[in-house]
Structure formats: structure tokens, C-alpha cells
């Protein structure tokens, strides 16, 4: 199975290459990511909806 690869960037977000997911996280390389927060009103209060992640997830 092929390891997931991420594009990596310098501090000015210039593309500098690719590295495996585990190398990116181990070395702290800059990489792009996406977060989506779902917010809803319920009973007059704001609630943020989160997705549960697999227990063995690395981050």
C-alpha cells in the first residue's frame, strides 16, 4: 500500500516538494490542511458538531 504524501511548503508558502504523512508530522513541515466547523442553533444555544475520529489516528 502506498503511503499518503503531502505537498510541503516553506514559511512563505512556496512549494518545496513532497513528503510522506508520517515524515511531515514527525519533522513539523508546513503543509496545507482544511478544517470545517459545523455550528447550529439548538434550544437557543450554539453547538459545534464534531466528527469522531478513529482511535488509532496519528493526529
Protein backbone atom coordinates (compact mmCIF):
# COMPACT_ATOMS: atom_id res chain seq x y z
CA UNK A 1 0.00 0.00 0.00
CA UNK A 2 1.31 3.46 -0.93
CA UNK A 3 1.89 5.91 1.90
CA UNK A 4 -0.09 9.13 1.78
CA UNK A 5 2.07 12.02 0.55
CA UNK A 6 1.65 15.72 1.29
CA UNK A 7 2.92 18.77 -0.55
CA UNK A 8 5.26 20.70 1.75
CA UNK A 9 5.97 24.44 1.85
CA UNK A 10 8.42 26.93 3.31
CA UNK A 11 7.38 29.69 5.73
CA UNK A 12 6.26 31.91 2.81
CA UNK A 13 4.05 29.05 1.46
CA UNK A 14 6.30 28.40 -1.52
CA UNK A 15 6.03 24.76 -2.59
CA UNK A 16 9.27 22.92 -1.84
CA UNK A 17 8.38 19.29 -2.50
CA UNK A 18 6.55 16.32 -1.04
CA UNK A 19 6.98 14.06 1.95
CA UNK A 20 5.10 11.14 3.48
CA UNK A 21 2.39 11.93 6.02
CA UNK A 22 4.38 10.49 8.93
CA UNK A 23 7.54 12.39 7.90
CA UNK A 24 5.58 15.67 7.61
CA UNK A 25 4.22 15.29 11.13
CA UNK A 26 7.47 13.97 12.61
CA UNK A 27 9.57 16.79 11.09
CA UNK A 28 6.97 19.54 11.52
CA UNK A 29 6.95 20.50 7.83
CA UNK A 30 4.49 23.18 6.72
CA UNK A 31 1.57 21.66 4.79
CA UNK A 32 -1.91 22.72 3.82
CA UNK A 33 -4.92 21.44 5.70
CA UNK A 34 -8.64 22.07 5.85
CA UNK A 35 -10.94 22.34 8.86
CA UNK A 36 -14.70 22.59 8.58
CA UNK A 37 -16.68 23.52 11.69
CA UNK A 38 -20.41 22.91 11.67
CA UNK A 39 -22.32 25.21 14.01
CA UNK A 40 -26.03 25.02 14.66
CA UNK A 41 -28.59 26.62 16.91
CA UNK A 42 -30.47 24.34 19.26
CA UNK A 43 -32.70 25.45 22.10
CA UNK A 44 -31.34 28.99 21.92
CA UNK A 45 -27.69 27.92 22.17
CA UNK A 46 -24.89 27.49 19.64
CA UNK A 47 -23.50 23.97 19.25
CA UNK A 48 -20.39 22.87 17.35
CA UNK A 49 -20.67 19.46 15.68
CA UNK A 50 -17.52 17.32 15.63
CA UNK A 51 -16.79 14.07 13.83
CA UNK A 52 -15.35 11.29 15.96
CA UNK A 53 -12.01 10.06 14.63
CA UNK A 54 -10.57 6.61 14.61
CA UNK A 55 -8.83 5.75 17.92
CA UNK A 56 -5.51 4.99 16.16
CA UNK A 57 -5.36 8.29 14.24
CA UNK A 58 -1.88 9.83 14.40
CA UNK A 59 -3.03 13.42 14.98
